C-alpha cells in the first residue's frame, strides 16, 4: 500500500490540506474528506455528469480524477455557487423558478457545467444549451425545464 500524499486545494475559496491515498478519487475526497456532499456520485465512470465540479474554472468529472491531481488547484463545487448562505445565484434561482429539477440528483453537476457555459457564452441559444447538457443524464425532467432555466438565467444576468 502506498503512503498518503498531502493534497492542498482551495475549494469554494477556502484552503484545505489533507492526506490522501494516491488512488482516492477527487469526488470521494470532496465528499468524505472535506464533507462537501453537494457533489454527487452516480455512475463512477464519467458518463452521468453528476459529479461535475469546476477545476480551475473548467468543468470536470471528479470521479475520473484522483485527489492528488488537484493538488495546488482551485475547485468550485455546487456549495460555492450561492451568493450568500441564504441567497441563490441567478442560475440556481432560475432552476427553482422554471422547475428545472425534480429529484435533484443530477442538478449539482448540471449547475456546474451551466455556470461555465454562461461564463463563456453569456447569451447561449437553445441549441448551445442542449449541446452543453448532452454530457449529463437526468432521468426525471426531460431536460426542457432545465433548458428554460438556463436561458432565463442568461436573460436575467443581462445577456439578452
N, C-alpha and C. Protein backbone atom coordinates (compact mmCIF):
# COMPACT_ATOMS: atom_id res chain seq x y z
N UNK A 1 0.85 -1.17 0.00
CA UNK A 1 0.00 0.00 0.00
C UNK A 1 0.89 1.23 0.00
N UNK A 2 0.53 2.20 -0.80
CA UNK A 2 1.32 3.43 -0.87
C UNK A 2 0.96 4.35 0.28
N UNK A 3 1.86 5.25 0.57
CA UNK A 3 1.62 6.18 1.67
C UNK A 3 0.81 7.38 1.18
N UNK A 4 0.05 7.99 2.08
CA UNK A 4 -0.77 9.15 1.68
C UNK A 4 0.10 10.33 1.24
N UNK A 5 -0.43 11.06 0.29
CA UNK A 5 0.19 12.30 -0.18
C UNK A 5 -0.55 13.46 0.49
N UNK A 6 0.11 14.59 0.63
CA UNK A 6 -0.56 15.79 1.12
C UNK A 6 -1.21 16.48 -0.09
N UNK A 7 -2.49 16.74 0.01
CA UNK A 7 -3.21 17.43 -1.06
C UNK A 7 -3.62 18.80 -0.53
N UNK A 8 -3.19 19.82 -1.25
CA UNK A 8 -3.54 21.20 -0.91
C UNK A 8 -4.40 21.76 -2.03
N UNK A 9 -5.62 22.13 -1.68
CA UNK A 9 -6.55 22.69 -2.66
C UNK A 9 -7.27 23.88 -2.04
N UNK A 10 -7.82 24.69 -2.90
CA UNK A 10 -8.72 25.77 -2.46
C UNK A 10 -10.08 25.39 -3.03
N UNK A 11 -11.05 25.17 -2.13
CA UNK A 11 -12.38 24.77 -2.55
C UNK A 11 -13.37 25.85 -2.13
N UNK A 12 -14.05 26.40 -3.10
CA UNK A 12 -15.01 27.47 -2.86
C UNK A 12 -14.38 28.62 -2.08
N UNK A 13 -13.10 28.86 -2.38
CA UNK A 13 -12.39 29.96 -1.75
C UNK A 13 -11.71 29.63 -0.44
N UNK A 14 -11.93 28.45 0.10
CA UNK A 14 -11.34 28.05 1.38
C UNK A 14 -10.19 27.09 1.13
N UNK A 15 -9.01 27.37 1.71
CA UNK A 15 -7.89 26.44 1.55
C UNK A 15 -8.06 25.20 2.43
N UNK A 16 -7.68 24.06 1.88
CA UNK A 16 -7.71 22.80 2.62
C UNK A 16 -6.39 22.08 2.37
N UNK A 17 -5.95 21.35 3.36
CA UNK A 17 -4.80 20.46 3.22
C UNK A 17 -5.14 19.18 3.96
N UNK A 18 -5.10 18.07 3.23
CA UNK A 18 -5.48 16.78 3.79
C UNK A 18 -4.57 15.70 3.21
N UNK A 19 -4.33 14.64 3.98
CA UNK A 19 -3.65 13.49 3.39
C UNK A 19 -4.63 12.73 2.49
N UNK A 20 -4.12 12.16 1.42
CA UNK A 20 -4.96 11.37 0.52
C UNK A 20 -4.14 10.26 -0.09
N UNK A 21 -4.70 9.08 -0.08
CA UNK A 21 -4.08 7.96 -0.79
C UNK A 21 -4.02 8.32 -2.27
N UNK A 22 -2.97 7.92 -2.96
CA UNK A 22 -2.86 8.26 -4.39
C UNK A 22 -4.04 7.80 -5.25
N UNK A 23 -4.74 6.77 -4.83
CA UNK A 23 -5.86 6.24 -5.62
C UNK A 23 -7.21 6.83 -5.23
N UNK A 24 -7.24 7.75 -4.25
CA UNK A 24 -8.50 8.35 -3.80
C UNK A 24 -9.05 9.27 -4.89
N UNK A 25 -10.29 9.03 -5.29
CA UNK A 25 -10.91 9.86 -6.32
C UNK A 25 -11.20 11.25 -5.77
N UNK A 26 -11.15 12.23 -6.65
CA UNK A 26 -11.45 13.59 -6.26
C UNK A 26 -12.87 13.70 -5.71
N UNK A 27 -13.81 13.00 -6.31
CA UNK A 27 -15.19 13.03 -5.82
C UNK A 27 -15.27 12.54 -4.38
N UNK A 28 -14.56 11.48 -4.06
CA UNK A 28 -14.56 10.95 -2.70
C UNK A 28 -13.83 11.87 -1.74
N UNK A 29 -12.76 12.50 -2.21
CA UNK A 29 -12.03 13.46 -1.39
C UNK A 29 -12.94 14.63 -1.02
N UNK A 30 -13.66 15.15 -2.00
CA UNK A 30 -14.57 16.28 -1.77
C UNK A 30 -15.67 15.88 -0.79
N UNK A 31 -16.27 14.74 -1.02
CA UNK A 31 -17.41 14.32 -0.20
C UNK A 31 -17.00 13.84 1.19
N UNK A 32 -15.97 13.00 1.26
CA UNK A 32 -15.66 12.34 2.53
C UNK A 32 -14.58 13.04 3.35
N UNK A 33 -13.61 13.63 2.69
CA UNK A 33 -12.55 14.31 3.43
C UNK A 33 -12.92 15.76 3.74
N UNK A 34 -13.63 16.43 2.80
CA UNK A 34 -13.99 17.83 3.00
C UNK A 34 -15.44 18.01 3.45
N UNK A 35 -16.20 16.90 3.44
CA UNK A 35 -17.61 16.91 3.88
C UNK A 35 -18.48 17.87 3.07
N UNK A 36 -18.17 18.02 1.79
CA UNK A 36 -18.99 18.81 0.87
C UNK A 36 -19.79 17.82 0.02
N UNK A 37 -20.98 17.51 0.48
CA UNK A 37 -21.75 16.42 -0.12
C UNK A 37 -22.65 16.85 -1.27
N UNK A 38 -22.56 18.10 -1.70
CA UNK A 38 -23.33 18.54 -2.85
C UNK A 38 -22.86 17.91 -4.15
N UNK A 39 -21.60 17.51 -4.20
CA UNK A 39 -21.08 16.81 -5.38
C UNK A 39 -21.57 15.37 -5.30
N UNK A 40 -22.42 14.99 -6.23
CA UNK A 40 -23.00 13.64 -6.20
C UNK A 40 -22.19 12.68 -7.05
N UNK A 41 -22.21 11.43 -6.66
CA UNK A 41 -21.53 10.38 -7.41
C UNK A 41 -22.59 9.43 -7.95
N UNK A 42 -22.63 9.33 -9.27
CA UNK A 42 -23.62 8.47 -9.91
C UNK A 42 -22.99 7.22 -10.48
N UNK A 43 -22.49 7.32 -11.69
CA UNK A 43 -22.01 6.15 -12.42
C UNK A 43 -20.58 5.75 -12.07
N UNK A 44 -19.78 6.68 -11.59
CA UNK A 44 -18.36 6.48 -11.29
C UNK A 44 -17.54 6.11 -12.54
N UNK A 45 -18.06 6.46 -13.72
CA UNK A 45 -17.36 6.23 -14.97
C UNK A 45 -17.28 7.49 -15.84
N UNK A 46 -17.73 8.63 -15.30
CA UNK A 46 -17.69 9.88 -16.04
C UNK A 46 -18.79 10.06 -17.07
N UNK A 47 -19.77 9.19 -17.05
CA UNK A 47 -20.82 9.22 -18.07
C UNK A 47 -22.00 10.11 -17.66
N UNK A 48 -22.40 10.07 -16.40
CA UNK A 48 -23.65 10.73 -16.00
C UNK A 48 -23.51 12.22 -15.72
N UNK A 49 -22.33 12.68 -15.34
CA UNK A 49 -22.11 14.09 -15.09
C UNK A 49 -22.49 14.58 -13.71
N UNK A 50 -23.03 13.71 -12.86
CA UNK A 50 -23.48 14.15 -11.53
C UNK A 50 -22.35 14.69 -10.67
N UNK A 51 -21.14 14.24 -10.89
CA UNK A 51 -20.00 14.62 -10.04
C UNK A 51 -19.24 15.83 -10.59
N UNK A 52 -19.79 16.52 -11.56
CA UNK A 52 -19.07 17.63 -12.19
C UNK A 52 -18.80 18.76 -11.20
N UNK A 53 -17.55 19.20 -11.19
CA UNK A 53 -17.11 20.37 -10.42
C UNK A 53 -16.30 21.23 -11.37
N UNK A 54 -15.98 22.43 -10.94
CA UNK A 54 -15.09 23.28 -11.72
C UNK A 54 -13.69 23.16 -11.14
N UNK A 55 -12.74 22.80 -11.98
CA UNK A 55 -11.33 22.70 -11.59
C UNK A 55 -10.60 23.80 -12.35
N UNK A 56 -10.10 24.76 -11.61
CA UNK A 56 -9.52 25.96 -12.22
C UNK A 56 -10.48 26.57 -13.23
N UNK A 57 -11.76 26.54 -12.89
CA UNK A 57 -12.79 27.18 -13.70
C UNK A 57 -13.38 26.33 -14.80
N UNK A 58 -12.85 25.15 -15.03
CA UNK A 58 -13.34 24.30 -16.13
C UNK A 58 -14.10 23.10 -15.57
N UNK A 59 -15.23 22.74 -16.19
CA UNK A 59 -15.99 21.59 -15.70
C UNK A 59 -15.23 20.28 -15.92
N UNK A 60 -15.14 19.48 -14.86
CA UNK A 60 -14.50 18.17 -14.94
C UNK A 60 -15.34 17.16 -14.16
N UNK A 61 -15.22 15.92 -14.55
CA UNK A 61 -15.87 14.83 -13.81
C UNK A 61 -14.94 14.45 -12.66
N UNK A 62 -15.37 14.73 -11.45
CA UNK A 62 -14.49 14.48 -10.30
C UNK A 62 -14.32 12.99 -10.01
N UNK A 63 -15.15 12.14 -10.60
CA UNK A 63 -14.97 10.69 -10.42
C UNK A 63 -13.88 10.13 -11.34
N UNK A 64 -13.39 10.95 -12.26
CA UNK A 64 -12.35 10.49 -13.18
C UNK A 64 -10.97 11.02 -12.83
N UNK A 65 -10.89 11.80 -11.77
CA UNK A 65 -9.62 12.38 -11.34
C UNK A 65 -9.27 11.87 -9.95
N UNK A 66 -7.98 11.76 -9.71
CA UNK A 66 -7.54 11.45 -8.36
C UNK A 66 -7.36 12.76 -7.60
N UNK A 67 -7.56 12.71 -6.31
CA UNK A 67 -7.42 13.91 -5.48
C UNK A 67 -6.03 14.51 -5.64
N UNK A 68 -5.00 13.68 -5.75
CA UNK A 68 -3.63 14.19 -5.87
C UNK A 68 -3.44 14.99 -7.16
N UNK A 69 -4.26 14.74 -8.17
CA UNK A 69 -4.17 15.50 -9.41
C UNK A 69 -4.68 16.93 -9.24
N UNK A 70 -5.43 17.17 -8.19
CA UNK A 70 -5.97 18.51 -7.94
C UNK A 70 -5.07 19.32 -7.01
N UNK A 71 -3.97 18.74 -6.57
CA UNK A 71 -3.07 19.44 -5.65
C UNK A 71 -2.66 20.80 -6.21
N UNK A 72 -2.83 21.83 -5.38
CA UNK A 72 -2.44 23.18 -5.78
C UNK A 72 -3.44 23.89 -6.67
N UNK A 73 -4.62 23.32 -6.83
CA UNK A 73 -5.59 23.89 -7.77
C UNK A 73 -6.82 24.42 -7.05
N UNK A 74 -7.62 25.13 -7.82
CA UNK A 74 -8.86 25.75 -7.32
C UNK A 74 -10.04 24.90 -7.77
N UNK A 75 -10.91 24.55 -6.81
CA UNK A 75 -12.10 23.75 -7.09
C UNK A 75 -13.32 24.55 -6.67
N UNK A 76 -14.33 24.52 -7.51
CA UNK A 76 -15.62 25.09 -7.13
C UNK A 76 -16.64 23.97 -7.18
N UNK A 77 -17.36 23.81 -6.09
CA UNK A 77 -18.45 22.82 -6.02
C UNK A 77 -19.77 23.58 -5.99
N UNK A 78 -20.85 22.85 -6.04
CA UNK A 78 -22.17 23.48 -6.03
C UNK A 78 -22.37 24.32 -4.77
N UNK A 79 -21.73 23.95 -3.68
CA UNK A 79 -21.85 24.74 -2.45
C UNK A 79 -21.27 26.14 -2.62
N UNK A 80 -20.39 26.32 -3.57
CA UNK A 80 -19.76 27.61 -3.80
C UNK A 80 -20.52 28.53 -4.74
N UNK A 81 -21.66 28.10 -5.25
CA UNK A 81 -22.40 28.91 -6.21
C UNK A 81 -23.28 29.97 -5.57
N UNK A 82 -23.83 29.69 -4.42
CA UNK A 82 -24.76 30.63 -3.79
C UNK A 82 -24.05 31.94 -3.49
N UNK A 83 -24.76 33.04 -3.64
CA UNK A 83 -24.20 34.36 -3.38
C UNK A 83 -23.94 34.57 -1.90
N UNK A 84 -24.78 33.99 -1.07
CA UNK A 84 -24.63 34.00 0.39
C UNK A 84 -25.32 32.74 0.89
N UNK A 85 -25.20 32.46 2.16
CA UNK A 85 -25.76 31.21 2.67
C UNK A 85 -27.27 31.10 2.47
N UNK A 86 -27.94 32.23 2.32
CA UNK A 86 -29.39 32.20 2.13
C UNK A 86 -29.85 32.83 0.82
N UNK A 87 -28.92 33.00 -0.13
CA UNK A 87 -29.26 33.65 -1.40
C UNK A 87 -28.75 32.82 -2.57
N UNK A 88 -29.66 32.36 -3.41
CA UNK A 88 -29.28 31.60 -4.59
C UNK A 88 -28.67 32.52 -5.64
N UNK A 89 -27.76 31.98 -6.46
CA UNK A 89 -27.27 32.78 -7.58
C UNK A 89 -28.34 32.76 -8.69
N UNK A 90 -28.20 33.59 -9.72
CA UNK A 90 -29.25 33.66 -10.75
C UNK A 90 -29.56 32.32 -11.43
N UNK A 91 -28.56 31.49 -11.64
CA UNK A 91 -28.81 30.20 -12.28
C UNK A 91 -29.61 29.29 -11.35
N UNK A 92 -29.23 29.22 -10.10
CA UNK A 92 -29.96 28.41 -9.14
C UNK A 92 -31.40 28.91 -9.01
N UNK A 93 -31.58 30.22 -8.94
CA UNK A 93 -32.92 30.80 -8.82
C UNK A 93 -33.77 30.47 -10.05
N UNK A 94 -33.16 30.50 -11.22
CA UNK A 94 -33.88 30.17 -12.46
C UNK A 94 -34.29 28.70 -12.47
N UNK A 95 -33.44 27.82 -11.95
CA UNK A 95 -33.80 26.40 -11.86
C UNK A 95 -35.03 26.25 -10.97
N UNK A 96 -35.05 26.98 -9.87
CA UNK A 96 -36.21 26.91 -8.98
C UNK A 96 -37.45 27.47 -9.68
N UNK A 97 -37.30 28.61 -10.32
CA UNK A 97 -38.44 29.27 -10.96
C UNK A 97 -39.01 28.45 -12.12
N UNK A 98 -38.15 27.81 -12.89
CA UNK A 98 -38.60 27.05 -14.07
C UNK A 98 -38.83 25.57 -13.79
N UNK A 99 -38.72 25.17 -12.55
CA UNK A 99 -38.88 23.76 -12.19
C UNK A 99 -37.87 22.89 -12.94
N UNK A 100 -36.62 23.34 -12.94
CA UNK A 100 -35.56 22.66 -13.67
C UNK A 100 -34.97 21.47 -12.93
N UNK A 101 -35.60 21.06 -11.84
CA UNK A 101 -35.14 19.88 -11.14
C UNK A 101 -36.33 19.15 -10.56
N UNK A 102 -36.15 17.87 -10.39
CA UNK A 102 -37.18 17.08 -9.71
C UNK A 102 -36.52 16.36 -8.55
N UNK A 103 -35.88 15.23 -8.79
CA UNK A 103 -35.25 14.56 -7.66
C UNK A 103 -34.00 15.31 -7.21
N UNK A 104 -33.35 16.04 -8.12
CA UNK A 104 -32.20 16.86 -7.77
C UNK A 104 -30.87 16.16 -7.80
N UNK A 105 -30.83 14.88 -8.08
CA UNK A 105 -29.55 14.17 -8.03
C UNK A 105 -28.56 14.69 -9.08
N UNK A 106 -29.03 14.95 -10.27
CA UNK A 106 -28.14 15.41 -11.35
C UNK A 106 -27.88 16.91 -11.29
N UNK A 107 -28.70 17.63 -10.54
CA UNK A 107 -28.69 19.09 -10.56
C UNK A 107 -27.34 19.72 -10.23
N UNK A 108 -26.62 19.29 -9.19
CA UNK A 108 -25.33 19.94 -8.91
C UNK A 108 -24.36 19.90 -10.08
N UNK A 109 -24.25 18.76 -10.72
CA UNK A 109 -23.34 18.66 -11.87
C UNK A 109 -23.78 19.52 -13.03
N UNK A 110 -25.09 19.55 -13.28
CA UNK A 110 -25.61 20.39 -14.36
C UNK A 110 -25.36 21.87 -14.04
N UNK A 111 -25.61 22.27 -12.81
CA UNK A 111 -25.36 23.66 -12.42
C UNK A 111 -23.90 24.05 -12.65
N UNK A 112 -22.98 23.15 -12.37
CA UNK A 112 -21.57 23.47 -12.55
C UNK A 112 -21.24 23.64 -14.03
N UNK A 113 -21.74 22.75 -14.87
CA UNK A 113 -21.49 22.86 -16.30
C UNK A 113 -22.14 24.11 -16.88
N UNK A 114 -23.36 24.40 -16.46
CA UNK A 114 -24.06 25.58 -16.98
C UNK A 114 -23.43 26.87 -16.46
N UNK A 115 -22.84 26.85 -15.28
CA UNK A 115 -22.12 28.01 -14.77
C UNK A 115 -20.96 28.36 -15.70
N UNK A 116 -20.21 27.34 -16.08
CA UNK A 116 -19.09 27.57 -17.01
C UNK A 116 -19.61 28.01 -18.38
N UNK A 117 -20.70 27.41 -18.84
CA UNK A 117 -21.27 27.79 -20.13
C UNK A 117 -21.66 29.27 -20.13
N UNK A 118 -22.38 29.70 -19.10
CA UNK A 118 -22.84 31.09 -19.06
C UNK A 118 -21.69 32.07 -18.87
N UNK A 119 -20.63 31.63 -18.26
CA UNK A 119 -19.44 32.48 -18.14
C UNK A 119 -18.79 32.67 -19.52
N UNK A 120 -18.69 31.57 -20.26
CA UNK A 120 -18.01 31.60 -21.56
C UNK A 120 -18.90 32.08 -22.69
N UNK A 121 -20.19 31.81 -22.58
CA UNK A 121 -21.17 32.20 -23.61
C UNK A 121 -22.39 32.79 -22.90
N UNK A 122 -22.32 34.05 -22.54
CA UNK A 122 -23.40 34.64 -21.74
C UNK A 122 -24.74 34.76 -22.45
N UNK A 123 -24.79 34.53 -23.75
CA UNK A 123 -26.04 34.63 -24.49
C UNK A 123 -26.25 33.36 -25.34
N UNK A 124 -26.34 32.20 -24.69
CA UNK A 124 -26.47 30.97 -25.48
C UNK A 124 -27.87 30.82 -26.07
N UNK A 125 -27.93 30.13 -27.20
CA UNK A 125 -29.24 29.79 -27.73
C UNK A 125 -29.61 28.39 -27.23
N UNK A 126 -30.81 27.96 -27.54
CA UNK A 126 -31.28 26.67 -27.04
C UNK A 126 -30.38 25.52 -27.49
N UNK A 127 -29.93 25.57 -28.71
CA UNK A 127 -29.07 24.51 -29.24
C UNK A 127 -27.75 24.42 -28.46
N UNK A 128 -27.19 25.57 -28.13
CA UNK A 128 -25.94 25.60 -27.38
C UNK A 128 -26.14 25.01 -25.98
N UNK A 129 -27.24 25.36 -25.34
CA UNK A 129 -27.54 24.83 -24.01
C UNK A 129 -27.72 23.32 -24.08
N UNK A 130 -28.46 22.86 -25.07
CA UNK A 130 -28.69 21.41 -25.20
C UNK A 130 -27.38 20.66 -25.47
N UNK A 131 -26.51 21.25 -26.26
CA UNK A 131 -25.21 20.62 -26.52
C UNK A 131 -24.41 20.51 -25.22
N UNK A 132 -24.40 21.57 -24.43
CA UNK A 132 -23.68 21.55 -23.15
C UNK A 132 -24.29 20.54 -22.19
N UNK A 133 -25.60 20.37 -22.26
CA UNK A 133 -26.29 19.40 -21.39
C UNK A 133 -26.09 17.96 -21.83
N UNK A 134 -25.61 17.76 -23.04
CA UNK A 134 -25.54 16.40 -23.59
C UNK A 134 -24.63 15.48 -22.79
N UNK A 135 -23.78 16.01 -21.96
CA UNK A 135 -22.92 15.18 -21.12
C UNK A 135 -23.52 14.86 -19.77
N UNK A 136 -24.79 15.16 -19.58
CA UNK A 136 -25.46 14.92 -18.29
C UNK A 136 -26.69 14.06 -18.49
N UNK A 137 -26.87 13.12 -17.58
CA UNK A 137 -28.04 12.27 -17.60
C UNK A 137 -29.01 12.71 -16.51
N UNK A 138 -30.25 12.93 -16.90
CA UNK A 138 -31.31 13.28 -15.97
C UNK A 138 -32.47 12.36 -16.29
N UNK A 139 -32.91 11.60 -15.33
CA UNK A 139 -34.00 10.66 -15.57
C UNK A 139 -35.37 11.24 -15.25
N UNK A 140 -35.41 12.43 -14.69
CA UNK A 140 -36.69 12.97 -14.22
C UNK A 140 -37.30 14.04 -15.11
N UNK A 141 -36.49 14.97 -15.61
CA UNK A 141 -37.07 16.20 -16.16
C UNK A 141 -37.34 16.21 -17.64
N UNK A 142 -36.68 15.42 -18.42
CA UNK A 142 -36.82 15.52 -19.87
C UNK A 142 -36.06 16.71 -20.42
N UNK A 143 -35.31 17.41 -19.61
CA UNK A 143 -34.40 18.50 -19.98
C UNK A 143 -35.06 19.81 -20.37
N UNK A 144 -36.32 19.82 -20.77
CA UNK A 144 -36.94 21.04 -21.27
C UNK A 144 -36.90 22.16 -20.22
N UNK A 145 -37.26 21.85 -18.99
CA UNK A 145 -37.27 22.88 -17.95
C UNK A 145 -35.85 23.31 -17.58
N UNK A 146 -34.91 22.42 -17.73
CA UNK A 146 -33.50 22.79 -17.48
C UNK A 146 -33.05 23.80 -18.53
N UNK A 147 -33.36 23.52 -19.78
CA UNK A 147 -33.00 24.45 -20.86
C UNK A 147 -33.66 25.81 -20.62
N UNK A 148 -34.93 25.80 -20.27
CA UNK A 148 -35.64 27.05 -20.00
C UNK A 148 -34.97 27.81 -18.85
N UNK A 149 -34.55 27.10 -17.82
CA UNK A 149 -33.91 27.74 -16.67
C UNK A 149 -32.59 28.40 -17.06
N UNK A 150 -31.79 27.72 -17.87
CA UNK A 150 -30.51 28.28 -18.30
C UNK A 150 -30.74 29.53 -19.15
N UNK A 151 -31.69 29.46 -20.06
CA UNK A 151 -31.99 30.63 -20.90
C UNK A 151 -32.53 31.79 -20.07
N UNK A 152 -33.36 31.48 -19.08
CA UNK A 152 -33.87 32.52 -18.19
C UNK A 152 -32.72 33.15 -17.39
N UNK A 153 -31.83 32.33 -16.87
CA UNK A 153 -30.69 32.85 -16.11
C UNK A 153 -29.85 33.77 -16.99
N UNK A 154 -29.61 33.37 -18.22
CA UNK A 154 -28.83 34.21 -19.14
C UNK A 154 -29.53 35.55 -19.33
N UNK A 155 -30.82 35.50 -19.50
CA UNK A 155 -31.59 36.74 -19.70
C UNK A 155 -31.52 37.61 -18.44
N UNK A 156 -31.70 37.02 -17.29
CA UNK A 156 -31.70 37.77 -16.04
C UNK A 156 -30.31 38.30 -15.68
N UNK A 157 -29.30 37.64 -16.18
CA UNK A 157 -27.93 38.09 -15.92
C UNK A 157 -27.53 39.20 -16.89
N UNK A 158 -28.48 39.62 -17.72
CA UNK A 158 -28.24 40.78 -18.58
C UNK A 158 -27.72 40.49 -19.96
N UNK A 159 -27.70 39.24 -20.35
CA UNK A 159 -27.16 38.90 -21.67
C UNK A 159 -28.16 39.18 -22.78
N UNK A 160 -29.41 39.12 -22.49
CA UNK A 160 -30.41 39.25 -23.57
C UNK A 160 -31.11 40.57 -23.49
